[in-house]
Protein backbone atom coordinates (compact mmCIF):
# COMPACT_ATOMS: atom_id res chain seq x y z
CA UNK A 1 0.16 -0.20 -0.27
CA UNK A 2 2.59 1.87 0.72
CA UNK A 3 4.52 1.38 -2.77
CA UNK A 4 1.38 2.49 -4.53
CA UNK A 5 1.33 5.89 -2.28
CA UNK A 6 4.80 7.09 -3.30
CA UNK A 7 3.86 6.02 -6.68
CA UNK A 8 0.47 8.16 -6.97
CA UNK A 9 2.19 10.62 -5.69
CA UNK A 10 5.67 10.50 -8.20
CA UNK A 11 2.82 10.78 -11.40
CA UNK A 12 1.55 13.90 -9.65
CA UNK A 13 5.02 15.74 -9.16
CA UNK A 14 5.35 14.21 -12.88
CA UNK A 15 2.39 15.60 -14.48
CA UNK A 16 1.88 19.05 -12.26
CA UNK A 17 5.58 20.25 -13.27
CA UNK A 18 5.26 18.82 -16.83
CA UNK A 19 1.94 20.96 -16.96
CA UNK A 20 4.33 23.57 -15.39
CA UNK A 21 7.56 23.58 -17.14
CA UNK A 22 4.82 23.66 -20.58
CA UNK A 23 3.13 26.79 -19.56
CA UNK A 24 6.39 28.76 -18.27
CA UNK A 25 7.91 28.11 -21.68
CA UNK A 26 5.29 29.26 -24.19
CA UNK A 27 5.51 32.00 -21.57
CA UNK A 28 9.28 33.16 -21.78
CA UNK A 29 9.51 31.51 -25.46
CA UNK A 30 12.67 33.23 -27.29
CA UNK A 31 11.01 31.34 -30.86
CA UNK A 32 8.04 32.41 -32.48
CA UNK A 33 4.60 31.36 -31.86
CA UNK A 34 4.66 28.63 -34.33
CA UNK A 35 7.60 26.73 -34.01
CA UNK A 36 6.75 26.45 -29.90
CA UNK A 37 3.74 25.13 -30.86
CA UNK A 38 5.05 22.46 -33.16
CA UNK A 39 8.02 21.77 -29.97
CA UNK A 40 4.78 21.04 -27.34
CA UNK A 41 3.48 18.05 -28.76
CA UNK A 42 6.88 16.45 -29.16
CA UNK A 43 8.21 17.51 -25.73
CA UNK A 44 4.88 16.17 -24.19
CA UNK A 45 5.94 12.81 -25.95
CA UNK A 46 9.66 12.88 -24.58
CA UNK A 47 8.21 13.53 -21.06
CA UNK A 48 5.85 10.64 -21.56
CA UNK A 49 8.71 8.34 -22.80
CA UNK A 50 11.19 9.71 -19.68
CA UNK A 51 7.71 8.81 -16.89
CA UNK A 52 7.39 5.50 -18.65
CA UNK A 53 11.29 4.42 -18.28
CA UNK A 54 11.45 5.50 -14.89
CA UNK A 55 8.11 4.25 -13.62
CA UNK A 56 9.31 0.37 -13.09
CA UNK A 57 12.14 1.76 -11.21
CA UNK A 58 9.80 3.61 -8.52
CA UNK A 59 7.37 0.56 -8.64
CA UNK A 60 9.88 -2.21 -7.78
CA UNK A 61 11.33 0.76 -4.58
């Protein structure tokens, strides 16, 4: 049960951190809006991939 709480906390933190990061990147983006809109889905996919890769390690602890 404790591992489930740790996992849910980790995933919640990851989602919140990713969301805050995406918003801040859009607000302070040094690039044109059209280029930023193209980059956002790529970064979301990258974050999801990293989360999937790290999740088994967290669950096993």
